[in-house]
Amino acid sequence: MSNLSDKKERILVVEDEGVIAMDLVQNLGDFGYEVVGNAVSGERALALAREMKPDLVLMDIVIKGPIDGIETARRIRAEFDVPVVFLTAYGDEATLDRAKKTAPYGYLLKPYRPDALRAAVCVALYKHQLEKQLGQSEQWFAKTLHCVSDGVIATDPAGRVSFMNPVAERLTGLEGAGALGRKVEEVCRLLDEHTREVKPHPLVRALASGLVTDIETSLLAPAGEGPPVAVDDGAAPIRDRRGALLGGVLVVRDLTERRSVEEALRRSEERFHTAFDHAAIGMALVSTDGQLLQTNRALGELLGRSETELRGARLESLLHPEHAQIDRAALAQLDADEVPSIKLEKLLAHKSASRLWGLLCLSAVRGSDRRPNYYILQLHRIEERKRADGQAVTA
C-alpha cells in the first residue's frame, strides 16, 4: 500500500518491451500501487490516460508508433494534470534536453533497481500532491485579493511589481501586464496631499528596513489621465519561514467614498446643530441615564435658566416636584423600539416658581444595534390648551 493515503494510487505504464512491462507491473503492485494499463504506443497511452485518468504515468521514451515517449508526455501534461516519470535507457544530453521541457517528475535509467523505482514514483506523487495544494492555495489567495476592496500590489525583493489586483489597476491607471516588472515607485506614485511633491515610497522603505510602514494620507497619481486619488493604508515586507526576503506588499485604500460620507455627515451635523440651536421650541440632547448633554437657547428661555445651569442637570430637574416622575413603562417601550417616541404632559420647574405646563416629547437616536445612544427632548408650552381645558396654569 502506498504511504500517501489509504487508497491505491493508479499508475499507467507506457513500455513496449513485454518483459520489462511485466516486471514493472509486478513491482508496482508489490509497492501497493494499482496499474490501470500498459500502453506500447503514444496513441494508446493518450487514449488510456483519457479513459483511466491515472495518478501517474511511467513513460519509456522509445515506444512504438509515430510519436515517442517525450512527445506523448508533452501531450499528456498539456491535457491532464498528471505527473510523468521517464524510465528509459537513454541518458544522452540531447534526450535529456528534450525530456526536461515536458517538466517530468523523475528520470530513471534502465536497468533500474526496484528500490529506485519505488522512490521515484513515491517522490513524484508526493511532489505533485504538494504542487496541487500550493496551486489551490495560490488560486484561493489570488481570488481573495481580486475581491477585496483595497488596492493590493506585490513586488519581488528588488521592488519590481509582480502582482496587482483590479482595484490597484484602477487606482494606478495601469493594467497588470503594463505594470509587471516595473519599479513600484513608477507604478504607484504617492504625492504629498498639500505640496503635491513626490513622497518617499513606503514599500521601498519597508523593503529596505524590513519593517511594516504605514502610509500617511497621500495622493496616488494615476499613470494616465485623471486627478490624483487620496489613499492611505500600509506596506510590509514578505519573508519565508527562514526569514529570507521574498518581496513586499503595498495595500492602498481609496478614501474618496469615506471622505464623501464624512463630508455629508459634517454637513448633516451642521444642519442639525443649526436647527437645534435656533429652534423655536425647547430642545435638549439627553443621555440614556437622564443627564442633559446639550440644550438650546429656547429651552433656557422657557425655563428661565441659563445654558450653564442646564448643562449636566437631570431630566427630572426640568419638572415641577409634583410631576418629577418619568413614566418608566413608556420609557421602556421607547428603549425597546416599540414606539417611535413618547409624549408626556408635565408641570415644569420654572426658575421663577411659576407653574407652567409643558409637553415633553422624547425620541431615541439609535446605534447599529438598535439600542438608544441618547434621546432628543422637545419641550412645548401648552398653557393655552390647558386654559381651554379649564386647568390652572399658574400658582
Protein backbone atom coordinates (compact mmCIF):
# COMPACT_ATOMS: atom_id res chain seq x y z
CA MET A 1 0.00 0.00 0.00
CA SER A 2 1.30 3.48 -0.84
CA ASN A 3 2.34 5.67 2.04
CA LEU A 4 0.45 8.76 0.72
CA SER A 5 -3.09 7.74 1.56
CA ASP A 6 -5.33 4.75 2.24
CA LYS A 7 -6.38 4.47 -1.42
CA LYS A 8 -4.12 2.94 -4.06
CA GLU A 9 -2.61 5.43 -6.47
CA ARG A 10 -3.34 4.45 -10.07
CA ILE A 11 -0.39 4.22 -12.46
CA LEU A 12 -0.33 3.96 -16.26
CA VAL A 13 2.74 2.16 -17.64
CA VAL A 14 3.93 3.06 -21.17
CA GLU A 15 6.52 0.42 -22.16
CA ASP A 16 6.74 -1.56 -25.43
CA GLU A 17 9.15 -4.24 -24.17
CA GLY A 18 6.93 -7.00 -22.78
CA VAL A 19 9.35 -8.42 -20.21
CA ILE A 20 10.14 -5.01 -18.75
CA ALA A 21 6.45 -4.08 -18.73
CA MET A 22 5.57 -7.27 -16.80
CA ASP A 23 8.36 -6.58 -14.31
CA LEU A 24 7.13 -3.03 -13.80
CA VAL A 25 3.56 -4.18 -13.22
CA GLN A 26 4.77 -6.77 -10.69
CA ASN A 27 6.99 -4.32 -8.80
CA LEU A 28 4.39 -1.56 -8.70
CA GLY A 29 1.79 -3.99 -7.41
CA ASP A 30 4.19 -5.13 -4.69
CA PHE A 31 4.71 -1.46 -3.73
CA GLY A 32 0.94 -1.04 -3.21
CA TYR A 33 0.07 0.78 -6.44
CA GLU A 34 -2.67 -0.14 -8.93
CA VAL A 35 -1.57 -0.42 -12.56
CA VAL A 36 -4.51 0.69 -14.70
CA GLY A 37 -2.99 -0.24 -18.06
CA ASN A 38 0.12 -0.78 -20.16
CA ALA A 39 0.46 1.05 -23.46
CA VAL A 40 3.03 0.24 -26.13
CA SER A 41 2.48 3.36 -28.28
CA GLY A 42 1.90 7.06 -27.78
CA GLU A 43 -1.58 6.95 -29.26
CA ARG A 44 -2.63 4.14 -26.94
CA ALA A 45 -1.08 5.95 -23.96
CA LEU A 46 -3.14 9.06 -24.70
CA ALA A 47 -6.32 7.02 -25.08
CA LEU A 48 -5.73 5.18 -21.79
CA ALA A 49 -4.87 8.43 -19.98
CA ARG A 50 -8.17 9.93 -21.10
CA GLU A 51 -10.12 6.80 -20.15
CA MET A 52 -8.45 5.75 -16.88
CA LYS A 53 -7.33 9.14 -15.53
CA PRO A 54 -4.26 7.76 -13.74
CA ASP A 55 -2.47 9.46 -10.85
CA LEU A 56 0.93 9.00 -12.55
CA VAL A 57 2.36 7.89 -15.90
CA LEU A 58 5.54 5.82 -16.03
CA MET A 59 6.88 6.53 -19.52
CA ASP A 60 9.52 4.92 -21.72
CA ILE A 61 10.97 7.30 -24.30
CA VAL A 62 11.39 4.87 -27.20
CA ILE A 63 7.99 3.31 -27.88
CA LYS A 64 6.07 2.09 -30.90
CA GLY A 65 4.16 4.42 -33.20
CA PRO A 66 4.79 7.79 -34.84
CA ILE A 67 5.22 9.75 -31.58
CA ASP A 68 7.85 8.89 -28.99
CA GLY A 69 7.55 8.99 -25.21
CA ILE A 70 8.73 12.58 -24.88
CA GLU A 71 6.09 13.91 -27.28
CA THR A 72 3.48 11.68 -25.63
CA ALA A 73 4.46 13.06 -22.23
CA ARG A 74 4.19 16.62 -23.55
CA ARG A 75 0.67 15.98 -24.82
CA ILE A 76 -0.38 14.25 -21.61
CA ARG A 77 0.99 17.12 -19.49
CA ALA A 78 -0.77 19.64 -21.75
CA GLU A 79 -4.13 17.86 -21.46
CA PHE A 80 -4.07 16.45 -17.92
CA ASP A 81 -2.62 17.46 -14.58
CA VAL A 82 -0.76 14.14 -14.29
CA PRO A 83 2.90 13.70 -13.25
CA VAL A 84 5.15 11.79 -15.67
CA VAL A 85 8.25 9.81 -14.68
CA PHE A 86 10.58 8.74 -17.51
CA LEU A 87 12.10 5.25 -17.39
CA THR A 88 14.48 4.88 -20.33
CA ALA A 89 17.81 3.55 -21.49
CA TYR A 90 18.73 6.96 -22.96
CA GLY A 91 20.64 9.46 -20.85
CA ASP A 92 22.42 11.50 -23.52
CA GLU A 93 22.35 15.29 -23.35
CA ALA A 94 20.06 15.78 -26.35
CA THR A 95 17.44 13.37 -24.99
CA LEU A 96 17.62 14.93 -21.53
CA ASP A 97 17.25 18.39 -23.02
CA ARG A 98 14.08 17.36 -24.87
CA ALA A 99 12.69 15.46 -21.89
CA LYS A 100 13.14 18.26 -19.37
CA LYS A 101 10.95 20.58 -21.45
CA THR A 102 7.96 18.38 -20.55
CA ALA A 103 8.60 19.11 -16.82
CA PRO A 104 8.87 15.45 -15.77
CA TYR A 105 8.66 14.47 -12.11
CA GLY A 106 11.50 11.94 -12.40
CA TYR A 107 14.02 10.38 -14.80
CA LEU A 108 15.25 6.80 -14.24
CA LEU A 109 17.74 4.95 -16.43
CA LYS A 110 17.38 1.30 -17.34
CA PRO A 111 18.27 -1.13 -15.98
CA TYR A 112 16.54 0.14 -12.87
CA ARG A 113 16.65 -1.07 -9.30
CA PRO A 114 13.23 -1.73 -7.72
CA ASP A 115 14.06 0.47 -4.73
CA ALA A 116 15.00 3.34 -7.07
CA LEU A 117 11.74 2.88 -8.99
CA ARG A 118 9.74 2.89 -5.77
CA ALA A 119 11.49 6.05 -4.54
CA ALA A 120 11.00 7.86 -7.87
CA VAL A 121 7.27 7.06 -8.02
CA CYS A 122 6.68 7.89 -4.36
CA VAL A 123 8.53 11.22 -4.58
CA ALA A 124 6.79 12.15 -7.84
CA LEU A 125 3.32 11.50 -6.39
CA TYR A 126 4.13 13.41 -3.21
CA LYS A 127 5.63 16.35 -5.12
CA HIS A 128 2.56 16.50 -7.37
CA GLN A 129 0.25 16.45 -4.34
CA LEU A 130 2.14 19.35 -2.76
CA GLU A 131 2.07 21.31 -6.01
CA LYS A 132 -1.70 20.80 -6.28
CA GLN A 133 -2.16 22.06 -2.73
CA LEU A 134 0.10 25.04 -3.44
CA GLY A 135 -1.78 25.77 -6.66
CA GLN A 136 -5.10 25.64 -4.84
CA SER A 137 -3.76 27.97 -2.15
CA GLU A 138 -2.45 30.37 -4.78
CA GLN A 139 -5.80 30.30 -6.59
CA TRP A 140 -7.65 30.96 -3.35
CA PHE A 141 -5.23 33.75 -2.47
CA ALA A 142 -5.48 35.34 -5.92
CA LYS A 143 -9.29 35.14 -5.95
CA THR A 144 -9.43 36.66 -2.48
CA LEU A 145 -7.17 39.55 -3.48
CA HIS A 146 -9.27 40.13 -6.59
CA CYS A 147 -12.36 40.50 -4.40
CA VAL A 148 -11.03 42.83 -1.69
CA SER A 149 -12.00 46.49 -1.87
CA ASP A 150 -8.43 47.78 -1.30
CA GLY A 151 -5.72 48.04 -3.93
CA VAL A 152 -3.00 45.38 -3.48
CA ILE A 153 0.41 45.50 -5.17
CA ALA A 154 3.06 42.80 -4.59
CA THR A 155 6.72 43.08 -5.58
CA ASP A 156 9.89 40.99 -5.66
CA PRO A 157 12.76 41.83 -3.23
CA ALA A 158 14.03 44.50 -5.64
CA GLY A 159 10.69 46.31 -5.60
CA ARG A 160 9.58 45.23 -9.08
CA VAL A 161 5.83 44.66 -9.40
CA SER A 162 4.79 41.00 -9.60
CA PHE A 163 1.05 41.29 -8.92
CA MET A 164 -1.72 43.88 -8.94
CA ASN A 165 -5.38 43.29 -8.14
CA PRO A 166 -8.16 45.03 -10.12
CA VAL A 167 -8.58 47.82 -7.54
CA ALA A 168 -4.86 48.65 -7.76
CA GLU A 169 -5.11 48.64 -11.56
CA ARG A 170 -7.99 51.11 -11.37
CA LEU A 171 -6.21 53.41 -8.93
CA THR A 172 -2.91 53.43 -10.82
CA GLY A 173 -4.47 53.54 -14.28
CA LEU A 174 -2.36 50.55 -15.35
CA GLU A 175 -3.38 47.04 -16.29
CA GLY A 176 -1.40 44.25 -14.68
CA ALA A 177 0.59 43.45 -17.83
CA GLY A 178 1.65 47.08 -18.15
CA ALA A 179 2.91 47.16 -14.58
CA LEU A 180 4.63 43.79 -14.18
CA GLY A 181 8.39 44.08 -13.82
CA ARG A 182 8.35 47.85 -13.28
CA LYS A 183 9.54 49.54 -10.12
CA VAL A 184 6.71 50.05 -7.65
CA GLU A 185 7.52 53.75 -7.25
CA GLU A 186 6.95 54.19 -11.01
CA VAL A 187 3.67 52.27 -11.00
CA CYS A 188 2.28 53.83 -7.82
CA ARG A 189 3.45 57.44 -7.32
CA LEU A 190 2.43 58.90 -3.98
CA LEU A 191 2.26 62.68 -3.59
CA ASP A 192 2.09 64.93 -0.57
CA GLU A 193 -1.52 65.97 -0.17
CA HIS A 194 -0.65 69.65 0.31
CA THR A 195 2.54 70.30 -1.69
CA ARG A 196 1.91 67.68 -4.44
CA GLU A 197 5.58 66.68 -4.21
CA VAL A 198 6.52 63.01 -4.69
CA LYS A 199 6.89 61.29 -1.31
CA PRO A 200 9.42 58.58 -0.37
CA HIS A 201 7.69 55.33 -1.25
CA PRO A 202 6.51 53.32 1.79
CA LEU A 203 7.12 49.93 0.15
CA VAL A 204 10.66 50.88 -0.82
CA ARG A 205 11.22 51.87 2.83
CA ALA A 206 9.63 48.64 4.05
CA LEU A 207 11.87 46.51 1.81
CA ALA A 208 14.97 48.42 2.94
CA SER A 209 14.16 48.41 6.65
CA GLY A 210 12.34 45.10 6.93
CA LEU A 211 9.60 46.84 8.90
CA VAL A 212 5.90 47.42 8.37
CA THR A 213 5.37 51.00 7.16
CA ASP A 214 2.11 52.93 7.47
CA ILE A 215 1.07 55.28 4.69
CA GLU A 216 0.13 58.73 5.84
CA THR A 217 -2.76 60.08 3.82
CA SER A 218 -1.33 60.72 0.37
CA LEU A 219 -2.42 61.36 -3.19
CA LEU A 220 -1.94 58.49 -5.62
CA ALA A 221 -1.20 59.89 -9.05
CA PRO A 222 -2.57 57.63 -11.81
CA ALA A 223 -0.35 56.86 -14.79
CA GLY A 224 -2.92 58.10 -17.29
CA GLU A 225 -5.40 60.92 -17.23
CA GLY A 226 -7.47 61.70 -14.18
CA PRO A 227 -6.99 63.51 -10.89
CA PRO A 228 -4.93 62.05 -8.03
CA VAL A 229 -6.86 59.95 -5.51
CA ALA A 230 -6.49 60.29 -1.74
CA VAL A 231 -5.34 57.00 -0.21
CA ASP A 232 -3.95 55.53 2.99
CA ASP A 233 -3.01 52.14 4.48
CA GLY A 234 0.41 50.49 4.61
CA ALA A 235 3.31 48.44 3.23
CA ALA A 236 5.17 45.43 4.57
CA PRO A 237 8.00 43.08 3.62
CA ILE A 238 7.17 39.42 2.96
CA ARG A 239 9.54 36.75 4.30
CA ASP A 240 9.68 32.98 4.16
CA ARG A 241 9.89 30.74 7.21
CA ARG A 242 13.65 31.17 7.37
CA GLY A 243 13.37 34.94 7.28
CA ALA A 244 14.61 35.37 3.72
CA LEU A 245 13.05 38.34 1.91
CA LEU A 246 10.61 37.23 -0.77
CA GLY A 247 9.30 40.68 -1.67
CA GLY A 248 6.80 43.17 -0.35
CA VAL A 249 3.16 44.14 -0.45
CA LEU A 250 1.53 47.54 -0.65
CA VAL A 251 -2.12 48.00 0.31
CA VAL A 252 -3.83 51.27 -0.60
CA ARG A 253 -7.36 52.27 0.37
CA ASP A 254 -9.27 54.79 -1.70
CA LEU A 255 -10.52 57.50 0.67
CA THR A 256 -12.87 59.12 -1.83
CA GLU A 257 -16.05 57.48 -0.61
CA ARG A 258 -15.13 57.75 3.06
CA ARG A 259 -14.36 61.43 2.71
CA SER A 260 -17.60 61.95 0.84
CA VAL A 261 -19.50 60.25 3.65
CA GLU A 262 -17.59 62.25 6.26
CA GLU A 263 -18.36 65.49 4.43
CA ALA A 264 -22.04 64.57 4.12
CA LEU A 265 -22.08 63.72 7.83
CA ARG A 266 -20.38 67.00 8.69
CA ARG A 267 -22.94 68.96 6.66
CA SER A 268 -25.75 66.97 8.22
CA GLU A 269 -24.42 67.68 11.71
CA GLU A 270 -24.09 71.37 10.86
CA ARG A 271 -27.70 71.47 9.67
CA PHE A 272 -28.84 69.62 12.77
CA HIS A 273 -26.98 71.93 15.13
CA THR A 274 -28.26 75.00 13.28
CA ALA A 275 -31.82 73.73 13.51
CA PHE A 276 -31.24 72.65 17.12
CA ASP A 277 -29.74 75.94 18.25
CA HIS A 278 -32.32 78.16 16.51
CA ALA A 279 -35.43 76.07 17.07
CA ALA A 280 -38.42 77.97 18.49
CA ILE A 281 -39.17 75.13 20.90
CA GLY A 282 -37.02 73.98 23.79
CA MET A 283 -34.69 71.13 22.83
CA ALA A 284 -32.03 69.05 24.58
CA LEU A 285 -29.88 66.00 23.99
CA VAL A 286 -30.28 63.65 26.93
CA SER A 287 -28.08 60.70 27.88
CA THR A 288 -29.68 57.32 28.44
CA ASP A 289 -29.22 57.80 32.19
CA GLY A 290 -31.19 61.07 32.10
CA GLN A 291 -28.46 63.74 32.04
CA LEU A 292 -28.75 66.81 29.81
CA LEU A 293 -25.83 66.78 27.38
CA GLN A 294 -26.69 69.83 25.31
CA THR A 295 -29.52 72.37 25.36
CA ASN A 296 -30.66 75.12 23.03
CA ARG A 297 -31.42 78.73 23.77
CA ALA A 298 -35.20 78.28 23.62
CA LEU A 299 -35.15 75.69 26.44
CA GLY A 300 -33.29 78.07 28.73
CA GLU A 301 -35.72 80.89 27.95
CA LEU A 302 -38.72 78.62 28.52
CA LEU A 303 -37.47 77.61 31.99
CA GLY A 304 -35.81 80.90 32.94
CA ARG A 305 -32.38 79.27 33.22
CA SER A 306 -29.04 79.76 31.52
CA GLU A 307 -27.35 77.18 29.31
CA THR A 308 -24.69 76.75 32.01
CA GLU A 309 -27.34 75.97 34.63
CA LEU A 310 -28.98 73.39 32.38
CA ARG A 311 -25.94 71.53 31.10
CA GLY A 312 -25.33 68.42 33.17
CA ALA A 313 -28.64 68.72 35.02
CA ARG A 314 -31.00 65.78 35.35
CA LEU A 315 -34.07 65.49 33.13
CA GLU A 316 -36.27 65.37 36.26
CA SER A 317 -34.94 68.79 37.32
CA LEU A 318 -36.90 70.35 34.45
CA LEU A 319 -40.14 69.21 36.07
CA HIS A 320 -42.15 70.53 38.99
CA PRO A 321 -41.67 68.34 42.10
CA GLU A 322 -45.30 67.23 41.82
CA HIS A 323 -44.56 65.84 38.31
CA ALA A 324 -40.93 64.83 38.62
CA GLN A 325 -41.50 61.15 37.89
CA ILE A 326 -40.96 59.94 34.30
CA ASP A 327 -43.27 57.18 33.09
CA ARG A 328 -40.86 54.22 33.24
CA ALA A 329 -43.17 51.89 31.33
CA ALA A 330 -43.40 54.34 28.43
CA LEU A 331 -39.62 54.84 28.51
CA ALA A 332 -39.09 51.05 28.41
CA GLN A 333 -41.28 50.88 25.29
CA LEU A 334 -39.16 53.59 23.68
CA ASP A 335 -35.93 51.80 24.60
CA ALA A 336 -37.28 48.56 23.13
CA ASP A 337 -38.07 50.35 19.84
CA GLU A 338 -41.74 49.52 20.27
CA VAL A 339 -42.80 53.15 19.81
CA PRO A 340 -41.10 55.96 17.84
CA SER A 341 -41.48 58.47 20.69
CA ILE A 342 -43.25 59.12 23.96
CA LYS A 343 -45.19 62.25 24.93
CA LEU A 344 -45.77 63.38 28.50
CA GLU A 345 -47.71 66.39 29.81
CA LYS A 346 -45.93 67.76 32.86
CA LEU A 347 -45.74 70.79 35.12
CA LEU A 348 -42.39 72.46 34.51
CA ALA A 349 -39.95 73.74 37.09
CA HIS A 350 -39.56 77.39 36.05
CA LYS A 351 -36.87 79.33 37.88
CA SER A 352 -39.48 81.91 38.97
CA ALA A 353 -41.52 79.12 40.58
CA SER A 354 -44.34 79.66 38.07
CA ARG A 355 -46.43 76.58 37.37
CA LEU A 356 -46.17 76.16 33.64
CA TRP A 357 -47.48 73.22 31.67
CA GLY A 358 -45.30 71.63 29.02
CA LEU A 359 -45.50 68.76 26.59
CA LEU A 360 -42.32 66.66 26.67
CA CYS A 361 -41.58 64.57 23.56
CA LEU A 362 -38.72 62.06 23.83
CA SER A 363 -37.34 60.16 20.81
CA ALA A 364 -34.27 57.91 20.66
CA VAL A 365 -31.16 58.16 18.47
CA ARG A 366 -30.03 54.57 17.99
CA GLY A 367 -26.81 52.80 17.12
CA SER A 368 -26.32 49.94 14.67
CA ASP A 369 -27.53 47.52 17.35
CA ARG A 370 -30.81 49.49 17.59
CA ARG A 371 -30.15 50.40 21.20
CA PRO A 372 -30.55 54.07 22.18
CA ASN A 373 -27.33 56.08 22.18
CA TYR A 374 -29.13 59.16 23.53
CA TYR A 375 -32.53 60.86 23.47
CA ILE A 376 -33.75 64.04 21.79
CA LEU A 377 -36.07 66.06 24.03
CA GLN A 378 -38.54 68.55 22.60
CA LEU A 379 -40.44 70.74 25.07
CA HIS A 380 -43.54 72.73 24.08
CA ARG A 381 -45.53 75.15 26.26
CA ILE A 382 -49.20 74.18 26.39
CA GLU A 383 -50.73 76.78 28.75
CA GLU A 384 -53.26 77.87 26.12
CA ARG A 385 -54.63 74.40 25.72
CA LYS A 386 -54.70 73.88 29.45
CA ARG A 387 -56.67 77.13 29.85
CA ALA A 388 -59.13 75.88 27.27
CA ASP A 389 -59.42 72.69 29.29
CA GLY A 390 -60.14 74.75 32.41
CA GLN A 391 -56.98 73.80 34.30
CA ALA A 392 -54.95 76.30 36.30
CA VAL A 393 -51.66 77.15 34.73
CA THR A 394 -50.09 79.33 37.40
CA ALA A 395 -49.59 79.09 41.11
